Amino acid sequence: MRTALEIVLWTTLALIVWTQLGYAAALALLARVLRPQRSVQSATHTAQRSGAFPNVSLIVAAHDEEAVVGAKVRNALALDYPRERLEVIVACDGCTDATAERARAAGADLVLELPRGGKIRAQDAAVVGAKGEIVAFSDANSLWEPDALRELVGAFAQERVGYACGQVRFYIDPHPASPDGAGATNQEGLYWRYEMAQRLSESRLRSITAGNGAIYATRRESYMVVDPIMGHDLSFPFNMVKRGWRAVYVPGARAREKMVPSIEGELARKRRMMSHTWPIVLRGGMLSPRGYGVGYALMILSHRVLRYATPFLHALALAANIALVAAGAGGLYVATLALQLLLLALAWLGGVVPARPLLVARYYVLTTASLALGLWDWLRHGTSAAWEAAEGTR
């Protein structure tokens, strides 16, 4: 019995360390040693020098976004891209406010007023009506840097690139008004910088395993219609690979987006996100290795499957450790148990004392818990295709 508990403990701890730290280090080392052939950045720069500008339709799906949609459209029209080759489309998903009117007033080329069907179906409808050979997508509250579209579109100079996502930088309002009074405690920016470093290595070696909704694009021919509860961020990259395309990261294509001020708000946001993620993982084809090479299959396992399994790995490690100590195991096992309990204690203290190390611990524990809570929500009552803006992000 003790041997079995030891195996469970050390296996789960090893998997946690691998998915959280080891995978990123291994990726960075492989990307340096293998020196992959022509990078996305070089393809982008070559395309820019050649003056090749494909027709692009920039699509913004919006539900009750009257507060930000005008600024978004103006930002899109101000991009450093030939105006005659850029079409700006706002797809209003069952809006009950002045989103459509403000989008038109700001100069959108096409405004679709659709019944409420969710973000994915609004995007699908916009793609049907789009004229561009490249379809780009953004959130209503995301603002792009002037050269972002050039950088993003340049990735498609590589023939087999079917999907490209850019870099989103999160910021917190300097005067946040969190409904729960928690203040600006969110550590998402720190996590996101780490995530972007991994994404860069994945892109250099093969393809990324996930994107983001703030700034991404596909070829018209590679665009896929997916289940409306399964967002593009996760469902597109691995499905592109299965269909013979590459999904790449373009760090030079930059956008910025306001993030939830508090860690507790981030917990709620990620919980909602995970209720859309688990259907993709468990029944959306991610777990099927068909269409993956060995390297990409390991990326999916390491960066996605094990990452999403982290709360269950932590629970198993803690239970096995407690059982070992209760059975009389001392020394090392007392130390490992103490470290696990210390992490929980630091996370609790982070809710009382807003010191950076404590906040990082709190962010890790709560966002890890959100993975399991999202699964519980999906299994208990399913997931709606409709969405609402996260509190504090507008």
Protein backbone atom coordinates (compact mmCIF):
# COMPACT_ATOMS: atom_id res chain seq x y z
CA MET A 1 0.00 0.00 0.00
CA ARG A 2 2.78 2.43 0.89
CA THR A 3 4.56 1.74 -2.40
CA ALA A 4 1.39 2.50 -4.34
CA LEU A 5 0.92 5.78 -2.48
CA GLU A 6 4.54 6.74 -3.15
CA ILE A 7 4.08 6.05 -6.86
CA VAL A 8 0.92 8.20 -6.95
CA LEU A 9 2.60 11.04 -5.07
CA TRP A 10 5.80 11.21 -7.10
CA THR A 11 4.05 10.65 -10.42
CA THR A 12 1.52 13.41 -9.86
CA LEU A 13 4.15 15.83 -8.56
CA ALA A 14 6.38 15.06 -11.56
CA LEU A 15 3.50 15.70 -13.99
CA ILE A 16 2.66 19.01 -12.29
CA VAL A 17 6.27 20.18 -12.44
CA TRP A 18 6.54 19.05 -16.06
CA THR A 19 3.43 20.85 -17.33
CA GLN A 20 4.06 24.02 -15.30
CA LEU A 21 7.85 24.38 -15.65
CA GLY A 22 9.65 21.54 -17.40
CA TYR A 23 7.73 21.73 -20.66
CA ALA A 24 8.54 25.40 -21.18
CA ALA A 25 12.23 24.81 -20.48
CA ALA A 26 12.36 21.83 -22.84
CA LEU A 27 10.62 23.80 -25.60
CA ALA A 28 13.03 26.71 -25.30
CA LEU A 29 16.02 24.35 -25.41
CA LEU A 30 14.70 22.45 -28.44
CA ALA A 31 13.91 25.67 -30.29
CA ARG A 32 17.48 26.83 -29.71
CA VAL A 33 19.20 23.52 -30.52
CA LEU A 34 17.15 22.51 -33.55
CA ARG A 35 17.20 26.01 -35.06
CA PRO A 36 13.95 25.61 -37.03
CA GLN A 37 13.88 26.73 -40.62
CA ARG A 38 12.43 30.04 -41.80
CA SER A 39 10.55 31.76 -39.01
CA VAL A 40 7.14 33.38 -39.15
CA GLN A 41 8.81 36.74 -38.45
CA SER A 42 11.07 36.45 -41.49
CA ALA A 43 8.10 35.46 -43.67
CA THR A 44 6.20 38.49 -42.40
CA HIS A 45 9.05 40.85 -43.15
CA THR A 46 9.52 39.38 -46.63
CA ALA A 47 5.82 39.86 -47.37
CA GLN A 48 5.97 43.47 -46.15
CA ARG A 49 8.99 44.27 -48.35
CA SER A 50 7.26 42.79 -51.39
CA GLY A 51 4.27 45.08 -50.88
CA ALA A 52 1.87 42.14 -51.07
CA PHE A 53 -1.35 43.08 -49.30
CA PRO A 54 -4.17 40.54 -49.55
CA ASN A 55 -7.76 41.62 -49.08
CA VAL A 56 -8.66 41.27 -45.40
CA SER A 57 -11.99 41.26 -43.60
CA LEU A 58 -11.60 42.22 -39.93
CA ILE A 59 -14.53 40.79 -37.97
CA VAL A 60 -15.68 41.93 -34.54
CA ALA A 61 -18.42 39.87 -32.89
CA ALA A 62 -20.24 42.00 -30.34
CA HIS A 63 -23.01 41.62 -27.81
CA ASP A 64 -24.13 44.87 -26.15
CA GLU A 65 -20.79 46.61 -26.69
CA GLU A 66 -22.02 50.18 -27.18
CA ALA A 67 -19.44 51.44 -24.68
CA VAL A 68 -16.43 50.29 -26.70
CA VAL A 69 -17.48 49.39 -30.26
CA GLY A 70 -16.99 52.90 -31.67
CA ALA A 71 -13.41 53.06 -30.43
CA LYS A 72 -12.81 49.56 -31.78
CA VAL A 73 -14.02 50.42 -35.27
CA ARG A 74 -12.00 53.64 -35.34
CA ASN A 75 -8.94 51.69 -34.18
CA ALA A 76 -9.44 49.17 -37.01
CA LEU A 77 -9.83 51.89 -39.65
CA ALA A 78 -6.64 53.59 -38.42
CA LEU A 79 -4.49 50.47 -38.93
CA ASP A 80 -1.48 50.84 -41.21
CA TYR A 81 -3.04 48.77 -43.98
CA PRO A 82 -4.32 49.84 -47.43
CA ARG A 83 -7.89 50.99 -46.81
CA GLU A 84 -9.12 49.63 -50.14
CA ARG A 85 -7.98 46.17 -49.06
CA LEU A 86 -9.52 46.26 -45.58
CA GLU A 87 -13.15 45.51 -44.77
CA VAL A 88 -14.37 46.08 -41.20
CA ILE A 89 -17.39 43.98 -40.17
CA VAL A 90 -19.26 44.18 -36.87
CA ALA A 91 -21.50 41.18 -36.20
CA CYS A 92 -24.05 42.14 -33.55
CA ASP A 93 -25.13 39.05 -31.64
CA GLY A 94 -28.63 39.85 -30.42
CA CYS A 95 -27.65 43.32 -29.20
CA THR A 96 -30.23 45.17 -27.12
CA ASP A 97 -28.34 48.47 -26.97
CA ALA A 98 -26.87 50.92 -29.50
CA THR A 99 -23.96 48.72 -30.63
CA ALA A 100 -25.09 48.58 -34.27
CA GLU A 101 -25.77 52.31 -34.54
CA ARG A 102 -22.42 53.25 -32.99
CA ALA A 103 -20.54 50.79 -35.20
CA ARG A 104 -22.10 52.35 -38.30
CA ALA A 105 -21.42 55.87 -37.06
CA ALA A 106 -17.75 54.97 -36.50
CA GLY A 107 -17.43 53.84 -40.12
CA ALA A 108 -17.78 50.03 -40.15
CA ASP A 109 -18.16 48.74 -43.72
CA LEU A 110 -20.75 46.14 -42.79
CA VAL A 111 -22.88 45.80 -39.65
CA LEU A 112 -24.86 42.60 -39.23
CA GLU A 113 -27.78 42.59 -36.81
CA LEU A 114 -28.25 38.94 -35.90
CA PRO A 115 -30.48 37.03 -33.48
CA ARG A 116 -28.70 35.86 -30.33
CA GLY A 117 -26.79 32.73 -31.24
CA GLY A 118 -23.44 33.21 -29.53
CA LYS A 119 -20.07 34.57 -30.58
CA ILE A 120 -19.15 31.65 -32.85
CA ARG A 121 -22.34 31.81 -34.90
CA ALA A 122 -21.97 35.60 -35.22
CA GLN A 123 -18.45 35.06 -36.55
CA ASP A 124 -19.68 32.37 -38.94
CA ALA A 125 -22.31 34.74 -40.34
CA ALA A 126 -19.72 37.47 -40.80
CA VAL A 127 -17.36 35.12 -42.65
CA VAL A 128 -20.17 34.20 -45.06
CA GLY A 129 -20.64 37.87 -45.90
CA ALA A 130 -16.92 38.77 -45.91
CA LYS A 131 -15.03 39.67 -49.08
CA GLY A 132 -11.46 39.15 -47.86
CA GLU A 133 -9.22 36.20 -48.69
CA ILE A 134 -7.94 36.54 -45.11
CA VAL A 135 -10.47 36.79 -42.28
CA ALA A 136 -9.15 38.39 -39.10
CA PHE A 137 -10.93 38.50 -35.75
CA SER A 138 -10.82 40.66 -32.67
CA ASP A 139 -12.76 41.36 -29.49
CA ALA A 140 -14.71 44.59 -29.17
CA ASN A 141 -12.55 45.75 -26.25
CA SER A 142 -9.19 44.93 -27.89
CA LEU A 143 -7.18 47.72 -29.49
CA TRP A 144 -4.52 46.85 -32.07
CA GLU A 145 -1.17 48.53 -32.61
CA PRO A 146 -0.99 50.37 -35.98
CA ASP A 147 1.20 47.71 -37.65
CA ALA A 148 -0.59 44.72 -36.10
CA LEU A 149 -2.60 43.73 -39.17
CA ARG A 150 0.43 43.91 -41.47
CA GLU A 151 2.37 41.69 -39.09
CA LEU A 152 -0.47 39.21 -38.68
CA VAL A 153 -1.29 38.92 -42.38
CA GLY A 154 2.38 38.60 -43.27
CA ALA A 155 2.45 35.15 -41.62
CA PHE A 156 0.33 33.81 -44.47
CA ALA A 157 3.24 34.33 -46.86
CA GLN A 158 4.15 30.83 -45.68
CA GLU A 159 2.06 28.52 -47.81
CA ARG A 160 0.90 26.06 -45.14
CA VAL A 161 0.02 28.61 -42.47
CA GLY A 162 -3.75 28.41 -41.98
CA TYR A 163 -4.06 30.24 -38.66
CA ALA A 164 -2.07 33.02 -37.03
CA CYS A 165 -2.56 34.72 -33.69
CA GLY A 166 -0.84 37.78 -32.31
CA GLN A 167 0.27 38.94 -28.90
CA VAL A 168 -2.25 40.42 -26.50
CA ARG A 169 -0.98 42.52 -23.63
CA PHE A 170 -3.27 42.82 -20.64
CA TYR A 171 -3.44 45.89 -18.47
CA ILE A 172 -5.45 46.95 -15.45
CA ASP A 173 -7.28 50.24 -15.22
CA PRO A 174 -5.19 52.46 -12.88
CA HIS A 175 -8.41 53.30 -11.03
CA PRO A 176 -10.22 49.96 -10.94
CA ALA A 177 -13.67 49.70 -9.46
CA SER A 178 -14.01 46.05 -8.58
CA PRO A 179 -17.55 45.17 -7.46
CA ASP A 180 -16.18 43.11 -4.60
CA GLY A 181 -13.71 45.77 -3.54
CA ALA A 182 -10.75 43.47 -4.14
CA GLY A 183 -8.78 46.07 -6.08
CA ALA A 184 -6.18 45.50 -8.77
CA THR A 185 -4.75 42.18 -7.59
CA ASN A 186 -4.95 40.06 -10.74
CA GLN A 187 -1.68 38.41 -11.83
CA GLU A 188 -2.88 37.41 -15.30
CA GLY A 189 -0.26 39.62 -16.95
CA LEU A 190 2.56 37.61 -15.36
CA TYR A 191 1.02 34.32 -16.44
CA TRP A 192 0.34 35.59 -19.94
CA ARG A 193 3.96 36.63 -20.52
CA TYR A 194 5.01 33.10 -19.56
CA GLU A 195 2.36 31.63 -21.84
CA MET A 196 3.51 33.77 -24.77
CA ALA A 197 7.10 32.55 -24.35
CA GLN A 198 5.89 28.96 -24.63
CA ARG A 199 3.73 29.84 -27.61
CA LEU A 200 6.71 31.35 -29.42
CA SER A 201 8.72 28.15 -28.97
CA GLU A 202 5.79 25.98 -30.10
CA SER A 203 5.37 28.12 -33.20
CA ARG A 204 9.05 27.87 -34.10
CA LEU A 205 9.08 24.10 -33.69
CA ARG A 206 5.74 23.15 -35.22
CA SER A 207 2.41 24.79 -34.34
CA ILE A 208 0.86 26.47 -31.33
CA THR A 209 -1.62 24.55 -29.17
CA ALA A 210 -3.98 27.48 -28.46
CA GLY A 211 -4.63 31.04 -29.59
CA ASN A 212 -6.48 34.06 -28.20
CA GLY A 213 -9.60 35.96 -29.18
CA ALA A 214 -8.07 39.44 -29.17
CA ILE A 215 -6.04 39.15 -32.38
CA TYR A 216 -6.00 36.24 -34.84
CA ALA A 217 -6.69 35.40 -38.48
CA THR A 218 -7.22 32.49 -40.84
CA ARG A 219 -7.22 31.98 -44.55
CA ARG A 220 -10.74 32.01 -45.94
CA GLU A 221 -10.17 28.43 -47.16
CA SER A 222 -8.92 27.18 -43.79
CA TYR A 223 -11.74 28.69 -41.70
CA MET A 224 -13.79 26.04 -39.91
CA VAL A 225 -17.35 26.02 -38.65
CA VAL A 226 -17.27 24.51 -35.16
CA ASP A 227 -19.76 23.77 -32.41
CA PRO A 228 -21.03 27.14 -31.10
CA ILE A 229 -19.93 26.36 -27.52
CA MET A 230 -16.38 25.57 -28.67
CA GLY A 231 -14.42 28.80 -29.08
CA HIS A 232 -11.88 29.37 -31.84
CA ASP A 233 -9.05 29.99 -29.34
CA LEU A 234 -8.65 26.31 -28.53
CA SER A 235 -10.53 24.46 -31.27
CA PHE A 236 -8.83 26.07 -34.28
CA PRO A 237 -5.08 25.41 -33.72
CA PHE A 238 -5.13 21.63 -33.22
CA ASN A 239 -7.82 21.16 -35.86
CA MET A 240 -5.70 23.15 -38.31
CA VAL A 241 -2.83 20.73 -37.68
CA LYS A 242 -5.13 17.74 -38.23
CA ARG A 243 -6.05 19.23 -41.63
CA GLY A 244 -2.47 19.77 -42.71
CA TRP A 245 -2.15 23.46 -41.85
CA ARG A 246 0.20 25.21 -39.43
CA ALA A 247 -1.07 27.39 -36.58
CA VAL A 248 1.52 30.05 -35.73
CA TYR A 249 2.19 32.84 -33.26
CA VAL A 250 3.18 36.29 -34.53
CA PRO A 251 4.63 38.28 -31.60
CA GLY A 252 4.94 41.43 -33.71
CA ALA A 253 1.16 41.61 -34.12
CA ARG A 254 0.24 43.31 -30.85
CA ALA A 255 -3.05 44.18 -29.21
CA ARG A 256 -3.95 45.39 -25.73
CA GLU A 257 -6.97 44.57 -23.65
CA LYS A 258 -8.18 45.54 -20.20
CA MET A 259 -8.22 42.60 -17.81
CA VAL A 260 -10.34 41.77 -14.79
CA PRO A 261 -8.97 43.77 -11.83
CA SER A 262 -9.17 41.12 -9.12
CA ILE A 263 -7.97 37.54 -8.82
CA GLU A 264 -11.48 36.56 -7.74
CA GLY A 265 -12.82 38.09 -10.96
CA GLU A 266 -10.22 36.16 -12.92
CA LEU A 267 -11.39 32.97 -11.21
CA ALA A 268 -14.94 33.62 -12.41
CA ARG A 269 -13.74 34.46 -15.94
CA LYS A 270 -11.60 31.36 -16.26
CA ARG A 271 -14.37 29.21 -14.80
CA ARG A 272 -16.66 30.38 -17.60
CA MET A 273 -13.90 29.82 -20.16
CA MET A 274 -13.27 26.30 -18.93
CA SER A 275 -16.93 25.38 -19.31
CA HIS A 276 -16.30 25.98 -23.03
CA THR A 277 -12.87 24.32 -22.98
CA TRP A 278 -13.76 20.93 -21.53
CA PRO A 279 -16.18 20.04 -24.36
CA ILE A 280 -13.33 20.65 -26.82
CA VAL A 281 -10.94 18.49 -24.82
CA LEU A 282 -13.30 15.60 -24.10
CA ARG A 283 -15.47 15.43 -27.21
CA GLY A 284 -14.07 17.95 -29.66
CA GLY A 285 -11.24 15.81 -31.03
CA MET A 286 -8.27 17.14 -29.06
CA LEU A 287 -7.57 13.78 -27.40
CA SER A 288 -7.56 11.90 -30.69
CA PRO A 289 -3.96 11.62 -31.97
CA ARG A 290 -5.14 11.17 -35.58
CA GLY A 291 -3.54 13.88 -37.70
CA TYR A 292 -0.85 14.78 -35.14
CA GLY A 293 2.84 14.13 -35.56
CA VAL A 294 4.63 12.73 -32.52
CA GLY A 295 6.06 16.10 -31.56
CA TYR A 296 2.76 17.94 -31.74
CA ALA A 297 0.98 15.15 -29.86
CA LEU A 298 3.48 15.64 -27.02
CA MET A 299 2.83 19.39 -27.12
CA ILE A 300 -0.92 18.84 -26.79
CA LEU A 301 -0.39 16.37 -23.95
CA SER A 302 2.08 18.59 -22.08
CA HIS A 303 0.61 22.04 -22.59
CA ARG A 304 -3.10 21.31 -22.78
CA VAL A 305 -4.19 17.94 -21.39
CA LEU A 306 -1.87 17.88 -18.37
CA ARG A 307 -2.39 21.61 -17.72
CA TYR A 308 -6.14 21.16 -17.58
CA ALA A 309 -5.71 18.07 -15.37
CA THR A 310 -3.61 20.04 -12.85
CA PRO A 311 -6.29 20.47 -10.14
CA PHE A 312 -6.90 16.73 -10.12
CA LEU A 313 -3.16 16.01 -10.00
CA HIS A 314 -2.82 18.39 -7.05
CA ALA A 315 -5.72 16.70 -5.26
CA LEU A 316 -4.21 13.25 -5.80
CA ALA A 317 -0.78 14.40 -4.64
CA LEU A 318 -2.21 15.96 -1.48
CA ALA A 319 -4.37 12.91 -0.68
CA ALA A 320 -1.48 10.48 -1.23
CA ASN A 321 0.83 12.64 0.86
CA ILE A 322 -1.63 12.84 3.76
CA ALA A 323 -2.14 9.07 3.61
CA LEU A 324 1.61 8.44 3.67
CA VAL A 325 2.17 10.67 6.70
CA ALA A 326 -0.84 9.14 8.47
CA ALA A 327 0.68 5.70 7.83
CA GLY A 328 3.87 6.72 9.62
CA ALA A 329 6.04 7.95 6.74
CA GLY A 330 8.20 10.78 8.01
CA GLY A 331 11.12 12.90 6.88
CA LEU A 332 10.76 13.66 3.18
CA TYR A 333 7.02 13.05 3.13
CA VAL A 334 6.42 15.42 6.01
CA ALA A 335 8.38 18.04 4.05
CA THR A 336 6.41 17.51 0.82
CA LEU A 337 3.14 17.73 2.74
CA ALA A 338 4.32 20.89 4.47
CA LEU A 339 5.15 22.47 1.08
CA GLN A 340 1.73 21.63 -0.33
CA LEU A 341 -0.03 23.06 2.71
CA LEU A 342 2.24 26.11 2.60
CA LEU A 343 1.07 26.87 -0.96
CA LEU A 344 -2.55 26.82 0.23
CA ALA A 345 -1.70 28.98 3.25
CA LEU A 346 0.10 31.55 1.10
CA ALA A 347 -2.90 31.65 -1.28
CA TRP A 348 -5.19 32.30 1.68
CA LEU A 349 -2.91 35.05 2.99
CA GLY A 350 -2.94 36.64 -0.46
CA GLY A 351 -6.58 37.46 0.13
CA VAL A 352 -5.61 39.39 3.27
CA VAL A 353 -2.17 40.86 2.52
CA PRO A 354 -1.72 42.13 -1.08
CA ALA A 355 2.00 41.31 -1.29
CA ARG A 356 3.17 40.19 -4.74
CA PRO A 357 4.44 36.68 -3.76
CA LEU A 358 1.21 36.00 -1.89
CA LEU A 359 -0.89 37.26 -4.79
CA VAL A 360 0.98 35.00 -7.22
CA ALA A 361 0.28 32.02 -4.95
CA ARG A 362 -3.37 33.02 -4.68
CA TYR A 363 -3.64 33.47 -8.45
CA TYR A 364 -2.14 30.02 -9.05
CA VAL A 365 -4.42 28.24 -6.58
CA LEU A 366 -7.64 29.96 -7.65
CA THR A 367 -7.06 29.73 -11.40
CA THR A 368 -6.06 26.07 -10.99
CA ALA A 369 -9.32 25.51 -9.12
CA SER A 370 -11.18 27.22 -11.99
CA LEU A 371 -10.20 24.34 -14.29
CA ALA A 372 -12.09 21.85 -12.14
CA LEU A 373 -14.99 24.23 -11.49
CA GLY A 374 -15.46 24.77 -15.22
CA LEU A 375 -15.68 21.00 -15.72
CA TRP A 376 -18.24 20.77 -12.91
CA ASP A 377 -20.35 23.53 -14.49
CA TRP A 378 -20.32 21.85 -17.90
CA LEU A 379 -21.19 18.41 -16.53
CA ARG A 380 -23.91 19.80 -14.27
CA HIS A 381 -25.82 22.07 -16.64
CA GLY A 382 -24.01 22.24 -19.96
CA THR A 383 -22.62 25.35 -21.62
CA SER A 384 -24.50 28.13 -23.37
CA ALA A 385 -23.25 29.45 -26.71
CA ALA A 386 -24.06 32.99 -25.55
CA TRP A 387 -21.52 35.04 -23.64
CA GLU A 388 -21.35 38.14 -21.48
CA ALA A 389 -18.45 40.57 -21.03
CA ALA A 390 -16.35 39.85 -17.95
CA GLU A 391 -16.77 42.42 -15.17
CA GLY A 392 -14.22 45.21 -15.29
CA THR A 393 -12.94 44.57 -18.84
CA ARG A 394 -14.82 47.38 -20.58
